């Protein structure tokens, strides 16, 4: 997949040699709502950065709200002068951009790993959690799955319309999971997968999902949780770009149509010790049950991360395969936590609750904290859905109540960082206020 370079400078120089037509490179990272921001650098300046020149962006870009713009949060934004903060280049992520009209490159940047990381930077939050787990001898292996919808390029009154397939030009307005849909949209889907692989993403299985124009693409299991989250973030960017190139829109909205299923972000996680033994499978799978119990207990308090906008709450319980309570089960897609059938070495959980538009760094950080808490607490979970179809723990369906529960829970603050939780909850509280004052359906455009 990715070529291995001795350092970032060697990576940049190899890129310039292999892609002499590229004059600019987008340096990008995710804000709290999961949108990319950054700067477009001349490639020769990028080489200077790789050689040691400072790379700084405004610290408060991370705090952008779901509709763009900054909120007043504590001493940030309007009281700190919007200072610059250092970022670093993420090795292995410098790749060509093929969906733009001009030759470009792109590369991930982040504050994690710098001398002064931003406490509320999503990648930094995940990096701290991963580091803590590894110090405890817990090595996560992670695989994301992302569902998304295709729409016609033109919106109608700001709202999405059914896509037209690339073979006949017919509307894809029928809910089904027929594999023929993969053929009808094959040129675009093939381009999406090949573009993802060109970005270093291990894209694998493609599925036609139930909603009209809805698909799912899976990624390979990754021993580096940071890279797994990078893949999820980069895939959203490249897929949107490829769709526009083909005259369509790709959307990761959690619930774009009221009458059809929403799109989820499914996260598969196995936990291993440094010797490669599956921790969840030991002691007659007691650690698996403890991990599930921790996940279910903290789930109601982490809903602002798993459902980060009002659209996301429309998805829960609307149809099958979307949980309406914190629940678990073996081979059960109605559960929040599903245990897929597998051998001992590959025993894992599949977390199915988050919407596809959630921030992958924060989702993974929250989930890992929940599993960590469960392993420490050693509790037993509620009955699985296989034994009791009514089993489950209620979680808030309202953003303000979810924010209150997240802000007040000490385990969440300890696991993710008190400063991050304060900033994130205030960001979501003000997102709620902005939503309540919105009067136009275009409110959802940021989620497209």
Protein backbone atom coordinates (compact mmCIF):
# COMPACT_ATOMS: atom_id res chain seq x y z
CA UNK A 1 0.00 0.00 0.00
CA UNK A 2 2.22 2.84 1.27
CA UNK A 3 5.88 3.14 0.30
CA UNK A 4 8.15 3.34 3.35
CA UNK A 5 10.47 6.34 3.49
CA UNK A 6 13.23 7.00 6.03
CA UNK A 7 11.72 10.41 6.84
CA UNK A 8 9.15 12.94 5.66
CA UNK A 9 11.71 14.89 3.65
CA UNK A 10 12.53 11.80 1.60
CA UNK A 11 8.78 11.26 1.08
CA UNK A 12 8.30 14.81 -0.23
CA UNK A 13 11.29 14.59 -2.54
CA UNK A 14 10.11 11.25 -3.93
CA UNK A 15 6.66 12.73 -4.52
CA UNK A 16 8.11 15.68 -6.43
CA UNK A 17 10.18 13.33 -8.55
CA UNK A 18 7.23 11.05 -9.34
CA UNK A 19 4.72 13.86 -9.87
CA UNK A 20 6.58 16.79 -11.46
CA UNK A 21 3.31 18.23 -12.75
CA UNK A 22 2.02 18.92 -9.21
CA UNK A 23 2.67 22.50 -8.13
CA UNK A 24 0.48 22.67 -5.01
CA UNK A 25 -0.32 20.35 -2.10
CA UNK A 26 -3.31 20.69 0.22
CA UNK A 27 -2.29 20.27 3.88
CA UNK A 28 -5.46 19.17 5.64
CA UNK A 29 -6.85 18.09 9.02
CA UNK A 30 -10.28 17.58 10.59
CA UNK A 31 -12.15 20.05 12.76
CA UNK A 32 -14.52 18.93 15.54
CA UNK A 33 -17.57 18.40 13.24
CA UNK A 34 -15.42 16.29 10.90
CA UNK A 35 -14.82 18.74 8.03
CA UNK A 36 -11.39 19.28 6.51
CA UNK A 37 -9.63 22.61 6.82
CA UNK A 38 -6.06 23.58 5.96
CA UNK A 39 -3.86 25.42 3.46
CA UNK A 40 -2.70 24.94 -0.11
CA UNK A 41 1.10 24.99 -0.15
CA UNK A 42 3.44 25.37 -3.13
CA UNK A 43 5.26 22.06 -3.33
CA UNK A 44 8.67 23.69 -2.93
CA UNK A 45 7.51 25.25 0.36
CA UNK A 46 6.29 21.83 1.47
CA UNK A 47 9.82 20.53 1.04
CA UNK A 48 11.06 23.31 3.33
CA UNK A 49 8.48 22.31 5.94
CA UNK A 50 9.60 18.70 5.68
CA UNK A 51 13.18 19.89 6.20
CA UNK A 52 12.24 21.61 9.46
CA UNK A 53 10.55 24.95 8.72
CA UNK A 54 7.64 25.81 10.98
CA UNK A 55 4.11 24.76 9.99
CA UNK A 56 1.45 26.69 11.88
CA UNK A 57 -2.30 27.17 11.48
CA UNK A 58 -4.78 29.06 13.66
CA UNK A 59 -5.49 26.98 16.75
CA UNK A 60 -9.20 27.76 16.76
CA UNK A 61 -9.88 26.26 13.32
CA UNK A 62 -10.47 23.01 15.20
CA UNK A 63 -13.45 24.60 16.93
CA UNK A 64 -15.53 25.36 13.83
CA UNK A 65 -19.22 24.53 14.22
CA UNK A 66 -21.28 22.27 11.99
CA UNK A 67 -22.40 25.25 9.90
CA UNK A 68 -18.97 26.88 9.84
CA UNK A 69 -17.99 29.86 11.91
CA UNK A 70 -16.67 30.01 15.45
CA UNK A 71 -18.47 29.91 18.77
CA UNK A 72 -17.40 31.66 21.93
CA UNK A 73 -16.04 28.84 24.10
CA UNK A 74 -14.33 29.68 27.38
CA UNK A 75 -11.14 31.61 26.77
CA UNK A 76 -10.89 30.41 23.17
CA UNK A 77 -11.97 32.00 19.90
CA UNK A 78 -12.86 35.55 20.95
CA UNK A 79 -10.63 35.94 24.00
CA UNK A 80 -7.28 34.45 23.03
CA UNK A 81 -6.42 36.40 19.87
CA UNK A 82 -6.77 33.25 17.75
CA UNK A 83 -3.12 32.20 18.12
CA UNK A 84 -1.28 29.99 15.68
CA UNK A 85 -0.49 26.45 16.80
CA UNK A 86 2.15 24.11 15.35
CA UNK A 87 1.17 21.21 13.13
CA UNK A 88 3.26 18.36 11.76
CA UNK A 89 3.14 16.42 8.51
CA UNK A 90 1.75 12.89 8.92
CA UNK A 91 4.21 10.47 7.30
CA UNK A 92 2.88 8.28 4.51
CA UNK A 93 -0.09 10.51 3.64
CA UNK A 94 1.37 12.62 0.80
CA UNK A 95 -0.61 11.44 -2.24
CA UNK A 96 -1.77 12.81 -5.61
CA UNK A 97 -5.29 14.22 -5.94
CA UNK A 98 -6.96 12.86 -9.08
CA UNK A 99 -10.47 14.29 -8.81
CA UNK A 100 -9.62 17.98 -9.27
CA UNK A 101 -9.29 19.77 -12.61
CA UNK A 102 -5.64 20.65 -11.92
CA UNK A 103 -2.88 18.33 -10.70
CA UNK A 104 -2.71 18.55 -6.91
CA UNK A 105 -1.38 16.64 -3.94
CA UNK A 106 -2.71 16.34 -0.42
CA UNK A 107 -1.19 15.44 2.94
CA UNK A 108 -2.59 15.08 6.42
CA UNK A 109 -1.32 17.35 9.17
CA UNK A 110 -2.01 17.31 12.90
CA UNK A 111 -1.03 18.90 16.17
CA UNK A 112 -0.47 15.53 17.84
CA UNK A 113 3.22 14.74 18.11
CA UNK A 114 4.20 18.43 18.23
CA UNK A 115 5.78 20.15 21.22
CA UNK A 116 2.47 21.82 22.07
CA UNK A 117 -0.45 19.64 20.89
CA UNK A 118 -3.94 21.13 20.92
CA UNK A 119 -5.91 19.33 23.63
CA UNK A 120 -9.14 19.41 21.64
CA UNK A 121 -7.62 18.38 18.29
CA UNK A 122 -9.53 15.17 17.39
CA UNK A 123 -6.38 13.34 16.27
CA UNK A 124 -4.59 14.34 19.47
CA UNK A 125 -7.50 13.03 21.56
CA UNK A 126 -7.24 9.64 19.84
CA UNK A 127 -3.44 9.62 20.07
CA UNK A 128 -3.58 10.04 23.86
CA UNK A 129 -6.06 7.17 24.23
CA UNK A 130 -4.04 4.82 21.99
CA UNK A 131 -0.83 5.66 23.88
CA UNK A 132 -2.47 4.94 27.23
CA UNK A 133 -3.80 1.57 26.04
CA UNK A 134 -0.45 0.51 24.64
CA UNK A 135 1.22 1.39 27.94
CA UNK A 136 -1.21 -1.08 29.50
CA UNK A 137 -0.26 -3.76 26.98
CA UNK A 138 -3.46 -3.39 24.93
CA UNK A 139 -2.97 -3.20 21.15
CA UNK A 140 -6.16 -2.45 19.18
CA UNK A 141 -6.66 -3.64 15.59
CA UNK A 142 -9.32 -1.56 13.85
CA UNK A 143 -11.40 -1.67 10.66
CA UNK A 144 -13.97 0.92 9.61
CA UNK A 145 -16.98 0.45 7.34
CA UNK A 146 -18.72 3.50 5.88
CA UNK A 147 -22.17 3.75 4.31
CA UNK A 148 -22.99 6.64 2.01
CA UNK A 149 -25.60 7.85 -0.46
CA UNK A 150 -25.23 9.10 -3.99
CA UNK A 151 -27.38 12.07 -4.98
CA UNK A 152 -28.00 13.93 -8.19
CA UNK A 153 -25.52 16.79 -8.45
CA UNK A 154 -28.31 19.39 -8.47
CA UNK A 155 -30.19 19.89 -5.21
CA UNK A 156 -33.83 20.93 -5.18
CA UNK A 157 -34.54 23.71 -2.69
CA UNK A 158 -31.38 22.67 -0.89
CA UNK A 159 -32.48 19.06 -0.52
CA UNK A 160 -30.97 15.89 -2.03
CA UNK A 161 -32.49 14.16 -5.07
CA UNK A 162 -32.15 10.59 -6.34
CA UNK A 163 -29.04 9.84 -8.42
CA UNK A 164 -29.03 8.74 -12.05
CA UNK A 165 -27.05 5.65 -12.92
CA UNK A 166 -24.15 5.79 -15.34
CA UNK A 167 -25.47 3.17 -17.77
CA UNK A 168 -28.99 4.33 -18.63
CA UNK A 169 -29.33 7.68 -16.91
CA UNK A 170 -32.38 6.37 -15.04
CA UNK A 171 -33.20 7.51 -11.53
CA UNK A 172 -32.15 5.10 -8.81
CA UNK A 173 -35.26 5.63 -6.69
CA UNK A 174 -35.97 2.08 -5.50
CA UNK A 175 -34.80 0.70 -2.15
CA UNK A 176 -33.00 -2.59 -2.70
CA UNK A 177 -29.73 -4.40 -2.12
CA UNK A 178 -29.45 -5.84 -5.62
CA UNK A 179 -25.96 -6.42 -6.85
CA UNK A 180 -27.00 -5.05 -10.25
CA UNK A 181 -26.77 -1.60 -8.67
CA UNK A 182 -23.01 -2.14 -8.47
CA UNK A 183 -22.96 -2.58 -12.24
CA UNK A 184 -25.17 0.43 -12.90
CA UNK A 185 -22.80 2.68 -10.95
CA UNK A 186 -19.64 0.68 -11.66
CA UNK A 187 -17.54 3.42 -13.35
CA UNK A 188 -17.98 5.73 -10.40
CA UNK A 189 -17.61 3.05 -7.70
CA UNK A 190 -14.50 1.63 -9.35
CA UNK A 191 -13.03 5.13 -9.51
CA UNK A 192 -13.84 5.66 -5.82
CA UNK A 193 -12.07 2.48 -4.78
CA UNK A 194 -9.03 2.99 -7.01
CA UNK A 195 -8.74 6.60 -5.86
CA UNK A 196 -8.93 5.48 -2.25
CA UNK A 197 -6.17 2.93 -2.84
CA UNK A 198 -4.07 5.61 -4.51
CA UNK A 199 -4.45 7.54 -1.24
CA UNK A 200 -3.00 4.53 0.61
CA UNK A 201 -6.41 3.39 1.92
CA UNK A 202 -7.01 -0.35 2.05
CA UNK A 203 -10.51 -0.24 0.53
CA UNK A 204 -11.94 -3.74 0.10
CA UNK A 205 -15.57 -4.92 -0.16
CA UNK A 206 -18.33 -2.87 -1.88
CA UNK A 207 -21.97 -3.53 -1.00
CA UNK A 208 -25.19 -2.14 -2.48
CA UNK A 209 -27.20 -1.11 0.57
CA UNK A 210 -30.94 -0.90 1.15
CA UNK A 211 -31.57 2.78 0.44
CA UNK A 212 -31.82 4.12 -3.14
CA UNK A 213 -28.35 5.05 -4.33
CA UNK A 214 -26.84 3.80 -1.05
CA UNK A 215 -23.56 1.85 -0.79
CA UNK A 216 -21.07 0.62 1.77
CA UNK A 217 -17.31 0.28 1.38
CA UNK A 218 -15.18 -1.62 3.89
CA UNK A 219 -11.55 -1.06 4.82
CA UNK A 220 -8.96 -3.62 5.82
CA UNK A 221 -8.10 -4.35 9.45
CA UNK A 222 -5.30 -2.03 10.53
CA UNK A 223 -2.84 -2.55 13.38
CA UNK A 224 -2.38 1.22 13.70
CA UNK A 225 -5.61 2.79 15.05
CA UNK A 226 -4.42 6.25 14.00
CA UNK A 227 -4.02 5.11 10.41
CA UNK A 228 -7.42 3.39 10.46
CA UNK A 229 -9.07 6.69 11.44
CA UNK A 230 -6.98 8.53 8.82
CA UNK A 231 -8.32 6.14 6.17
CA UNK A 232 -11.92 6.83 7.19
CA UNK A 233 -11.43 10.60 7.07
CA UNK A 234 -9.55 10.60 3.76
CA UNK A 235 -12.07 8.27 2.15
CA UNK A 236 -14.88 10.76 2.77
CA UNK A 237 -12.89 13.52 1.06
CA UNK A 238 -11.82 11.50 -1.97
CA UNK A 239 -15.26 9.90 -2.44
CA UNK A 240 -17.02 13.27 -2.49
CA UNK A 241 -14.50 14.49 -5.05
CA UNK A 242 -14.83 11.46 -7.31
CA UNK A 243 -18.62 11.67 -7.24
CA UNK A 244 -18.56 15.30 -8.36
CA UNK A 245 -16.19 14.35 -11.16
CA UNK A 246 -18.84 11.88 -12.36
CA UNK A 247 -21.68 14.40 -12.09
CA UNK A 248 -23.08 13.12 -8.77
CA UNK A 249 -22.85 13.95 -5.08
CA UNK A 250 -21.65 11.50 -2.44
CA UNK A 251 -23.08 12.18 1.00
CA UNK A 252 -22.25 10.71 4.39
CA UNK A 253 -25.30 12.30 6.05
CA UNK A 254 -26.58 10.00 8.76
CA UNK A 255 -30.20 10.30 7.58
CA UNK A 256 -30.73 12.15 4.28
CA UNK A 257 -34.18 10.65 3.53
CA UNK A 258 -36.86 10.24 6.19
CA UNK A 259 -38.40 7.23 4.42
CA UNK A 260 -35.16 5.29 3.84
CA UNK A 261 -32.41 3.87 6.08
CA UNK A 262 -29.64 6.07 7.39
CA UNK A 263 -25.91 5.63 6.84
CA UNK A 264 -23.75 4.27 9.62
CA UNK A 265 -20.10 4.18 10.57
CA UNK A 266 -19.34 0.64 11.73
CA UNK A 267 -16.13 0.06 13.66
CA UNK A 268 -14.61 -3.40 14.15
CA UNK A 269 -12.13 -3.68 17.03
CA UNK A 270 -10.01 -6.56 18.29
CA UNK A 271 -7.71 -6.15 21.29
CA UNK A 272 -4.38 -7.99 21.46
CA UNK A 273 -1.52 -8.21 23.92
CA UNK A 274 2.05 -7.47 22.74
CA UNK A 275 2.56 -11.18 22.01
CA UNK A 276 -0.36 -11.18 19.55
CA UNK A 277 -2.88 -13.02 21.74
CA UNK A 278 -6.51 -11.91 21.46
CA UNK A 279 -7.39 -10.41 24.84
CA UNK A 280 -11.14 -10.63 24.27
CA UNK A 281 -10.98 -14.40 23.78
CA UNK A 282 -9.16 -15.24 27.00
CA UNK A 283 -10.71 -16.72 30.15
CA UNK A 284 -13.75 -18.13 28.32
CA UNK A 285 -14.40 -14.71 26.72
CA UNK A 286 -14.97 -12.93 30.03
CA UNK A 287 -12.95 -9.89 28.81
CA UNK A 288 -15.27 -9.69 25.81
CA UNK A 289 -18.30 -9.45 28.07
CA UNK A 290 -16.56 -6.90 30.32
CA UNK A 291 -15.69 -4.78 27.27
CA UNK A 292 -19.27 -4.95 26.01
CA UNK A 293 -20.57 -3.94 29.44
CA UNK A 294 -18.31 -0.90 29.51
CA UNK A 295 -19.30 0.10 26.01
CA UNK A 296 -23.02 -0.09 26.81
CA UNK A 297 -22.66 1.72 30.14
CA UNK A 298 -20.84 4.72 28.66
CA UNK A 299 -22.74 4.83 25.37
CA UNK A 300 -25.52 7.18 26.61
CA UNK A 301 -22.86 9.63 27.82
CA UNK A 302 -20.97 9.62 24.50
CA UNK A 303 -23.92 10.27 22.20
CA UNK A 304 -22.72 13.78 21.19
CA UNK A 305 -19.72 12.06 19.59
CA UNK A 306 -21.61 9.18 18.01
CA UNK A 307 -24.47 11.43 16.83
CA UNK A 308 -22.76 14.82 16.39
CA UNK A 309 -25.59 16.73 14.70
CA UNK A 310 -29.38 16.87 14.68
CA UNK A 311 -29.67 14.94 11.44
CA UNK A 312 -27.90 11.99 13.08
CA UNK A 313 -30.66 11.55 15.67
CA UNK A 314 -33.24 10.94 12.94
CA UNK A 315 -31.51 7.65 12.13
CA UNK A 316 -32.06 5.75 15.35
CA UNK A 317 -34.80 3.16 15.39
CA UNK A 318 -36.31 4.24 12.08
CA UNK A 319 -35.86 0.83 10.40
CA UNK A 320 -34.09 -2.46 10.99
CA UNK A 321 -30.31 -2.60 11.40
CA UNK A 322 -30.24 0.68 13.31
CA UNK A 323 -30.33 0.49 17.08
CA UNK A 324 -32.70 2.58 19.17
CA UNK A 325 -31.15 1.54 22.50
CA UNK A 326 -27.73 0.56 23.79
CA UNK A 327 -27.80 -3.18 23.19
CA UNK A 328 -25.63 -6.08 22.10
CA UNK A 329 -25.93 -9.46 20.47
CA UNK A 330 -24.19 -12.22 18.56
CA UNK A 331 -24.59 -11.82 14.79
CA UNK A 332 -27.38 -9.28 15.38
CA UNK A 333 -27.44 -6.16 13.22
CA UNK A 334 -30.18 -4.54 15.29
CA UNK A 335 -27.72 -4.22 18.19
CA UNK A 336 -25.45 -1.28 18.94
CA UNK A 337 -22.65 -3.75 19.68
CA UNK A 338 -22.58 -6.80 17.43
CA UNK A 339 -20.29 -9.78 17.96
CA UNK A 340 -19.56 -11.22 14.49
CA UNK A 341 -18.98 -14.93 14.19
CA UNK A 342 -15.23 -15.57 14.03
CA UNK A 343 -12.46 -17.83 15.24
CA UNK A 344 -10.63 -17.25 18.51
CA UNK A 345 -7.78 -15.26 16.99
CA UNK A 346 -10.16 -12.83 15.28
CA UNK A 347 -12.79 -12.40 17.99
CA UNK A 348 -13.92 -8.76 17.89
CA UNK A 349 -16.74 -6.35 18.50
CA UNK A 350 -18.51 -4.38 15.80
CA UNK A 351 -19.82 -1.02 16.99
CA UNK A 352 -22.73 -0.02 14.76
CA UNK A 353 -24.27 3.01 16.46
CA UNK A 354 -22.40 6.07 15.02
CA UNK A 355 -23.63 7.89 11.96
CA UNK A 356 -21.42 7.97 8.89
CA UNK A 357 -20.85 11.71 9.37
CA UNK A 358 -19.33 11.33 12.85
CA UNK A 359 -15.69 12.29 13.40
CA UNK A 360 -13.74 9.00 13.05
CA UNK A 361 -10.96 10.05 15.43
CA UNK A 362 -13.42 10.92 18.18
CA UNK A 363 -15.63 7.88 17.59
CA UNK A 364 -12.64 5.57 17.89
CA UNK A 365 -11.28 7.41 20.94
CA UNK A 366 -14.66 7.21 22.69
CA UNK A 367 -15.09 3.53 21.84
CA UNK A 368 -11.61 2.58 23.01
CA UNK A 369 -12.17 4.46 26.28
CA UNK A 370 -15.40 2.52 26.77
CA UNK A 371 -13.71 -0.83 26.20
CA UNK A 372 -10.86 0.18 28.52
CA UNK A 373 -13.35 1.13 31.23
CA UNK A 374 -15.22 -2.14 30.81
CA UNK A 375 -12.08 -4.23 31.14
CA UNK A 376 -11.11 -2.35 34.31
CA UNK A 377 -14.57 -2.46 35.90
CA UNK A 378 -15.07 -6.16 35.16
CA UNK A 379 -18.86 -5.94 35.00
CA UNK A 380 -21.26 -8.22 33.16
CA UNK A 381 -23.43 -6.83 30.35
CA UNK A 382 -27.20 -6.88 30.12
CA UNK A 383 -28.82 -9.80 28.28
CA UNK A 384 -27.97 -9.98 24.58
CA UNK A 385 -30.76 -9.47 22.04
CA UNK A 386 -30.42 -13.15 21.14
CA UNK A 387 -31.91 -13.95 24.56
CA UNK A 388 -34.21 -10.96 25.07
CA UNK A 389 -35.38 -8.80 22.13
CA UNK A 390 -36.39 -6.09 24.62
CA UNK A 391 -32.96 -5.85 26.22
CA UNK A 392 -31.26 -2.47 26.03
CA UNK A 393 -30.31 0.75 27.80
CA UNK A 394 -31.99 4.01 26.83
CA UNK A 395 -29.81 6.77 25.44
CA UNK A 396 -30.77 10.42 24.92
CA UNK A 397 -32.43 11.27 21.62
CA UNK A 398 -32.00 15.02 22.18
CA UNK A 399 -28.75 16.92 21.67
CA UNK A 400 -29.00 19.07 24.81
CA UNK A 401 -29.72 16.10 27.08
CA UNK A 402 -26.89 14.14 25.45
CA UNK A 403 -24.48 17.03 25.98
CA UNK A 404 -25.52 17.32 29.63
CA UNK A 405 -24.91 13.61 30.23
CA UNK A 406 -21.51 13.77 28.52
CA UNK A 407 -20.36 16.88 30.38
CA UNK A 408 -21.32 15.46 33.79
CA UNK A 409 -19.74 12.01 33.53
CA UNK A 410 -16.34 11.72 35.29
CA UNK A 411 -15.19 8.60 33.40
CA UNK A 412 -15.70 10.34 30.06
CA UNK A 413 -13.71 13.37 31.21
CA UNK A 414 -10.93 11.19 32.56
CA UNK A 415 -10.74 9.05 29.46
CA UNK A 416 -10.94 11.74 26.78
CA UNK A 417 -9.57 14.72 28.71
CA UNK A 418 -11.50 17.28 30.75
CA UNK A 419 -10.53 20.21 28.51
CA UNK A 420 -11.63 18.39 25.38
CA UNK A 421 -14.97 17.38 26.92
CA UNK A 422 -15.66 20.97 28.02
CA UNK A 423 -14.84 22.37 24.57
CA UNK A 424 -16.70 19.66 22.67
CA UNK A 425 -19.87 19.89 24.75
CA UNK A 426 -19.98 23.66 24.43
CA UNK A 427 -19.44 23.36 20.67
CA UNK A 428 -22.40 20.96 20.41
CA UNK A 429 -24.59 23.05 22.70
CA UNK A 430 -24.10 26.07 20.46
CA UNK A 431 -24.61 23.90 17.37
CA UNK A 432 -28.01 23.08 18.86
CA UNK A 433 -28.84 26.77 19.28
CA UNK A 434 -27.83 27.49 15.68
CA UNK A 435 -30.00 24.63 14.46
CA UNK A 436 -33.03 25.82 16.41
CA UNK A 437 -32.76 29.22 14.71
CA UNK A 438 -32.36 27.76 11.21
CA UNK A 439 -35.40 28.21 8.98
CA UNK A 440 -34.09 26.85 5.69
CA UNK A 441 -33.61 23.24 4.52
CA UNK A 442 -30.19 24.39 3.37
CA UNK A 443 -29.22 23.91 7.03
CA UNK A 444 -28.28 20.38 6.06
CA UNK A 445 -25.96 21.39 3.23
CA UNK A 446 -22.92 21.23 5.47
CA UNK A 447 -23.60 17.55 5.96
CA UNK A 448 -23.63 16.74 2.22
